[in-house]
PDB file of N, CA and C in Angstrom:
ATOM      1  N   MET A   1       0.835  -1.162   0.000  1.00  0.00           N
ATOM      2  CA  MET A   1       0.000   0.000   0.000  1.00  0.00           C
ATOM      3  C   MET A   1       0.890   1.239   0.000  1.00  0.00           C
ATOM      4  N   LEU A   2       0.537   2.196  -0.818  1.00  0.00           N
ATOM      5  CA  LEU A   2       1.270   3.456  -0.865  1.00  0.00           C
ATOM      6  C   LEU A   2       0.590   4.471   0.043  1.00  0.00           C
ATOM      7  N   MET A   3       1.380   5.135   0.826  1.00  0.00           N
ATOM      8  CA  MET A   3       0.852   6.158   1.721  1.00  0.00           C
ATOM      9  C   MET A   3       1.478   7.496   1.333  1.00  0.00           C
ATOM     10  N   PRO A   4       0.688   8.420   0.792  1.00  0.00           N
ATOM     11  CA  PRO A   4       1.243   9.726   0.433  1.00  0.00           C
ATOM     12  C   PRO A   4       1.606  10.509   1.691  1.00  0.00           C
ATOM     13  N   SER A   5       2.581  11.362   1.554  1.00  0.00           N
ATOM     14  CA  SER A   5       2.980  12.182   2.693  1.00  0.00           C
ATOM     15  C   SER A   5       1.874  13.176   3.020  1.00  0.00           C
ATOM     16  N   GLN A   6       1.921  13.678   4.210  1.00  0.00           N
ATOM     17  CA  GLN A   6       0.889  14.604   4.665  1.00  0.00           C
ATOM     18  C   GLN A   6       0.903  15.868   3.808  1.00  0.00           C
ATOM     19  N   GLY A   7      -0.263  16.328   3.438  1.00  0.00           N
ATOM     20  CA  GLY A   7      -0.382  17.538   2.637  1.00  0.00           C
ATOM     21  C   GLY A   7      -0.401  17.317   1.141  1.00  0.00           C
ATOM     22  N   VAL A   8      -0.237  16.071   0.682  1.00  0.00           N
ATOM     23  CA  VAL A   8      -0.276  15.784  -0.753  1.00  0.00           C
ATOM     24  C   VAL A   8      -1.730  15.759  -1.212  1.00  0.00           C
ATOM     25  N   ARG A   9      -2.013  16.473  -2.294  1.00  0.00           N
ATOM     26  CA  ARG A   9      -3.359  16.464  -2.874  1.00  0.00           C
ATOM     27  C   ARG A   9      -3.474  15.315  -3.858  1.00  0.00           C
ATOM     28  N   ILE A  10      -4.613  14.625  -3.817  1.00  0.00           N
ATOM     29  CA  ILE A  10      -4.888  13.539  -4.744  1.00  0.00           C
ATOM     30  C   ILE A  10      -6.215  13.847  -5.420  1.00  0.00           C
ATOM     31  N   LEU A  11      -6.187  13.976  -6.746  1.00  0.00           N
ATOM     32  CA  LEU A  11      -7.391  14.251  -7.527  1.00  0.00           C
ATOM     33  C   LEU A  11      -7.703  13.023  -8.371  1.00  0.00           C
ATOM     34  N   ILE A  12      -8.946  12.564  -8.305  1.00  0.00           N
ATOM     35  CA  ILE A  12      -9.360  11.350  -9.007  1.00  0.00           C
ATOM     36  C   ILE A  12     -10.350  11.705 -10.108  1.00  0.00           C
ATOM     37  N   ALA A  13     -10.058  11.255 -11.324  1.00  0.00           N
ATOM     38  CA  ALA A  13     -10.948  11.497 -12.463  1.00  0.00           C
ATOM     39  C   ALA A  13     -12.178  10.615 -12.338  1.00  0.00           C
ATOM     40  N   THR A  14     -13.340  11.173 -12.637  1.00  0.00           N
ATOM     41  CA  THR A  14     -14.575  10.403 -12.562  1.00  0.00           C
ATOM     42  C   THR A  14     -14.983   9.827 -13.908  1.00  0.00           C
ATOM     43  N   ARG A  15     -14.386  10.321 -14.962  1.00  0.00           N
ATOM     44  CA  ARG A  15     -14.676   9.809 -16.311  1.00  0.00           C
ATOM     45  C   ARG A  15     -13.470   9.047 -16.841  1.00  0.00           C
ATOM     46  N   PRO A  16     -13.706   8.020 -17.629  1.00  0.00           N
ATOM     47  CA  PRO A  16     -12.588   7.268 -18.186  1.00  0.00           C
ATOM     48  C   PRO A  16     -11.797   8.088 -19.197  1.00  0.00           C
ATOM     49  N   VAL A  17     -10.513   7.785 -19.303  1.00  0.00           N
ATOM     50  CA  VAL A  17      -9.643   8.466 -20.265  1.00  0.00           C
ATOM     51  C   VAL A  17      -8.985   7.440 -21.175  1.00  0.00           C
ATOM     52  N   ASP A  18      -8.480   7.916 -22.291  1.00  0.00           N
ATOM     53  CA  ASP A  18      -7.780   7.078 -23.256  1.00  0.00           C
ATOM     54  C   ASP A  18      -6.291   7.113 -22.922  1.00  0.00           C
ATOM     55  N   PHE A  19      -5.767   6.002 -22.404  1.00  0.00           N
ATOM     56  CA  PHE A  19      -4.365   5.958 -21.990  1.00  0.00           C
ATOM     57  C   PHE A  19      -3.394   5.942 -23.167  1.00  0.00           C
ATOM     58  N   ARG A  20      -3.912   5.808 -24.384  1.00  0.00           N
ATOM     59  CA  ARG A  20      -3.029   5.871 -25.554  1.00  0.00           C
ATOM     60  C   ARG A  20      -2.469   7.275 -25.749  1.00  0.00           C
ATOM     61  N   LYS A  21      -3.038   8.258 -25.069  1.00  0.00           N
ATOM     62  CA  LYS A  21      -2.542   9.632 -25.153  1.00  0.00           C
ATOM     63  C   LYS A  21      -1.152   9.762 -24.555  1.00  0.00           C
ATOM     64  N   GLY A  22      -0.781   8.870 -23.641  1.00  0.00           N
ATOM     65  CA  GLY A  22       0.527   8.904 -23.014  1.00  0.00           C
ATOM     66  C   GLY A  22       0.609   9.978 -21.934  1.00  0.00           C
ATOM     67  N   HIS A  23       1.800  10.131 -21.377  1.00  0.00           N
ATOM     68  CA  HIS A  23       2.011  11.085 -20.289  1.00  0.00           C
ATOM     69  C   HIS A  23       1.726  12.522 -20.712  1.00  0.00           C
ATOM     70  N   ASP A  24       2.197  12.881 -21.888  1.00  0.00           N
ATOM     71  CA  ASP A  24       1.997  14.261 -22.353  1.00  0.00           C
ATOM     72  C   ASP A  24       0.523  14.568 -22.575  1.00  0.00           C
ATOM     73  N   GLY A  25      -0.217  13.617 -23.130  1.00  0.00           N
ATOM     74  CA  GLY A  25      -1.634  13.820 -23.358  1.00  0.00           C
ATOM     75  C   GLY A  25      -2.422  13.936 -22.058  1.00  0.00           C
ATOM     76  N   LEU A  26      -2.059  13.120 -21.064  1.00  0.00           N
ATOM     77  CA  LEU A  26      -2.728  13.199 -19.771  1.00  0.00           C
ATOM     78  C   LEU A  26      -2.397  14.514 -19.066  1.00  0.00           C
ATOM     79  N   ALA A  27      -1.153  14.959 -19.187  1.00  0.00           N
ATOM     80  CA  ALA A  27      -0.774  16.249 -18.599  1.00  0.00           C
ATOM     81  C   ALA A  27      -1.558  17.386 -19.258  1.00  0.00           C
ATOM     82  N   SER A  28      -1.758  17.298 -20.564  1.00  0.00           N
ATOM     83  CA  SER A  28      -2.550  18.314 -21.267  1.00  0.00           C
ATOM     84  C   SER A  28      -4.001  18.307 -20.794  1.00  0.00           C
ATOM     85  N   MET A  29      -4.543  17.112 -20.543  1.00  0.00           N
ATOM     86  CA  MET A  29      -5.907  17.009 -20.033  1.00  0.00           C
ATOM     87  C   MET A  29      -6.031  17.645 -18.653  1.00  0.00           C
ATOM     88  N   VAL A  30      -5.027  17.448 -17.812  1.00  0.00           N
ATOM     89  CA  VAL A  30      -5.035  18.053 -16.475  1.00  0.00           C
ATOM     90  C   VAL A  30      -5.055  19.568 -16.599  1.00  0.00           C
ATOM     91  N   GLN A  31      -4.233  20.097 -17.503  1.00  0.00           N
ATOM     92  CA  GLN A  31      -4.177  21.548 -17.681  1.00  0.00           C
ATOM     93  C   GLN A  31      -5.481  22.092 -18.250  1.00  0.00           C
ATOM     94  N   ALA A  32      -6.064  21.409 -19.223  1.00  0.00           N
ATOM     95  CA  ALA A  32      -7.262  21.915 -19.891  1.00  0.00           C
ATOM     96  C   ALA A  32      -8.531  21.715 -19.059  1.00  0.00           C
ATOM     97  N   ALA A  33      -8.737  20.520 -18.555  1.00  0.00           N
ATOM     98  CA  ALA A  33      -9.994  20.204 -17.872  1.00  0.00           C
ATOM     99  C   ALA A  33     -10.029  20.663 -16.423  1.00  0.00           C
ATOM    100  N   LEU A  34      -8.890  20.592 -15.753  1.00  0.00           N
ATOM    101  CA  LEU A  34      -8.874  20.902 -14.322  1.00  0.00           C
ATOM    102  C   LEU A  34      -8.235  22.243 -13.992  1.00  0.00           C
ATOM    103  N   ALA A  35      -7.644  22.883 -14.991  1.00  0.00           N
ATOM    104  CA  ALA A  35      -6.921  24.147 -14.768  1.00  0.00           C
ATOM    105  C   ALA A  35      -5.893  23.987 -13.654  1.00  0.00           C
ATOM    106  N   GLN A  36      -5.182  22.855 -13.668  1.00  0.00           N
ATOM    107  CA  GLN A  36      -4.149  22.562 -12.679  1.00  0.00           C
ATOM    108  C   GLN A  36      -2.816  22.378 -13.383  1.00  0.00           C
ATOM    109  N   ASP A  37      -1.736  22.661 -12.662  1.00  0.00           N
ATOM    110  CA  ASP A  37      -0.396  22.409 -13.171  1.00  0.00           C
ATOM    111  C   ASP A  37      -0.023  20.970 -12.818  1.00  0.00           C
ATOM    112  N   PRO A  38       0.217  20.105 -13.815  1.00  0.00           N
ATOM    113  CA  PRO A  38       0.493  18.704 -13.524  1.00  0.00           C
ATOM    114  C   PRO A  38       1.869  18.460 -12.904  1.00  0.00           C
ATOM    115  N   PHE A  39       2.660  19.492 -12.722  1.00  0.00           N
ATOM    116  CA  PHE A  39       4.023  19.318 -12.215  1.00  0.00           C
ATOM    117  C   PHE A  39       4.222  19.926 -10.831  1.00  0.00           C
ATOM    118  N   THR A  40       3.144  20.053 -10.042  1.00  0.00           N
ATOM    119  CA  THR A  40       3.241  20.674  -8.719  1.00  0.00           C
ATOM    120  C   THR A  40       3.364  19.668  -7.594  1.00  0.00           C
ATOM    121  N   GLY A  41       3.295  18.382  -7.891  1.00  0.00           N
ATOM    122  CA  GLY A  41       3.362  17.370  -6.841  1.00  0.00           C
ATOM    123  C   GLY A  41       2.013  16.773  -6.506  1.00  0.00           C
ATOM    124  N   THR A  42       0.946  17.304  -7.088  1.00  0.00           N
ATOM    125  CA  THR A  42      -0.381  16.733  -6.905  1.00  0.00           C
ATOM    126  C   THR A  42      -0.443  15.402  -7.640  1.00  0.00           C
ATOM    127  N   VAL A  43      -1.097  14.418  -7.037  1.00  0.00           N
ATOM    128  CA  VAL A  43      -1.254  13.108  -7.667  1.00  0.00           C
ATOM    129  C   VAL A  43      -2.599  13.086  -8.386  1.00  0.00           C
ATOM    130  N   PHE A  44      -2.564  12.777  -9.686  1.00  0.00           N
ATOM    131  CA  PHE A  44      -3.785  12.679 -10.488  1.00  0.00           C
ATOM    132  C   PHE A  44      -4.017  11.213 -10.814  1.00  0.00           C
ATOM    133  N   VAL A  45      -5.207  10.711 -10.503  1.00  0.00           N
ATOM    134  CA  VAL A  45      -5.549   9.313 -10.734  1.00  0.00           C
ATOM    135  C   VAL A  45      -6.581   9.257 -11.854  1.00  0.00           C
ATOM    136  N   PHE A  46      -6.288   8.442 -12.871  1.00  0.00           N
ATOM    137  CA  PHE A  46      -7.182   8.274 -14.005  1.00  0.00           C
ATOM    138  C   PHE A  46      -7.679   6.847 -14.048  1.00  0.00           C
ATOM    139  N   ARG A  47      -8.811   6.648 -14.727  1.00  0.00           N
ATOM    140  CA  ARG A  47      -9.302   5.295 -14.937  1.00  0.00           C
ATOM    141  C   ARG A  47      -9.501   5.059 -16.427  1.00  0.00           C
ATOM    142  N   ALA A  48      -9.346   3.805 -16.820  1.00  0.00           N
ATOM    143  CA  ALA A  48      -9.512   3.423 -18.216  1.00  0.00           C
ATOM    144  C   ALA A  48     -10.986   3.221 -18.534  1.00  0.00           C
ATOM    145  N   LYS A  49     -11.303   3.155 -19.815  1.00  0.00           N
ATOM    146  CA  LYS A  49     -12.686   2.909 -20.234  1.00  0.00           C
ATOM    147  C   LYS A  49     -13.153   1.537 -19.782  1.00  0.00           C
ATOM    148  N   ARG A  50     -12.258   0.583 -19.853  1.00  0.00           N
ATOM    149  CA  ARG A  50     -12.591  -0.776 -19.437  1.00  0.00           C
ATOM    150  C   ARG A  50     -12.400  -0.862 -17.923  1.00  0.00           C
ATOM    151  N   ALA A  51     -13.478  -0.947 -17.212  1.00  0.00           N
ATOM    152  CA  ALA A  51     -13.432  -0.946 -15.743  1.00  0.00           C
ATOM    153  C   ALA A  51     -13.557  -2.370 -15.200  1.00  0.00           C
ATOM    154  N   ASP A  52     -12.444  -3.069 -15.100  1.00  0.00           N
ATOM    155  CA  ASP A  52     -12.441  -4.417 -14.560  1.00  0.00           C
ATOM    156  C   ASP A  52     -12.470  -4.412 -13.040  1.00  0.00           C
ATOM    157  N   TRP A  53     -12.172  -3.285 -12.454  1.00  0.00           N
ATOM    158  CA  TRP A  53     -12.094  -3.174 -11.003  1.00  0.00           C
ATOM    159  C   TRP A  53     -13.341  -2.501 -10.482  1.00  0.00           C
ATOM    160  N   THR A  54     -13.890  -3.026  -9.425  1.00  0.00           N
ATOM    161  CA  THR A  54     -15.045  -2.426  -8.799  1.00  0.00           C
ATOM    162  C   THR A  54     -14.632  -1.908  -7.441  1.00  0.00           C
ATOM    163  N   GLY A  55     -14.937  -0.650  -7.178  1.00  0.00           N
ATOM    164  CA  GLY A  55     -14.592  -0.054  -5.895  1.00  0.00           C
ATOM    165  C   GLY A  55     -15.567  -0.469  -4.817  1.00  0.00           C
ATOM    166  N   PRO A  56     -15.262  -0.088  -3.580  1.00  0.00           N
ATOM    167  CA  PRO A  56     -16.156  -0.452  -2.481  1.00  0.00           C
ATOM    168  C   PRO A  56     -17.522   0.197  -2.644  1.00  0.00           C
ATOM    169  N   SER A  57     -18.546  -0.493  -2.254  1.00  0.00           N
ATOM    170  CA  SER A  57     -19.902   0.049  -2.354  1.00  0.00           C
ATOM    171  C   SER A  57     -20.344   0.551  -0.987  1.00  0.00           C
ATOM    172  N   GLY A  58     -21.374   1.399  -1.022  1.00  0.00           N
ATOM    173  CA  GLY A  58     -21.956   1.840   0.229  1.00  0.00           C
ATOM    174  C   GLY A  58     -21.581   3.199   0.477  1.00  0.00           C
TER     175      GLY A  58
END
């Protein structure tokens, strides 16, 4: 399990993204959609279109 240090922001995307865009494409999406700088230390979590994983319910 990874434990981020105190004060680290973690932003989770609610819509699936196309991972074929690569790192540069995802960084561009962060800048355009979230108006955030992808190089500030914030952790951005994306999900693929194919959702094989189910999160906890409730």
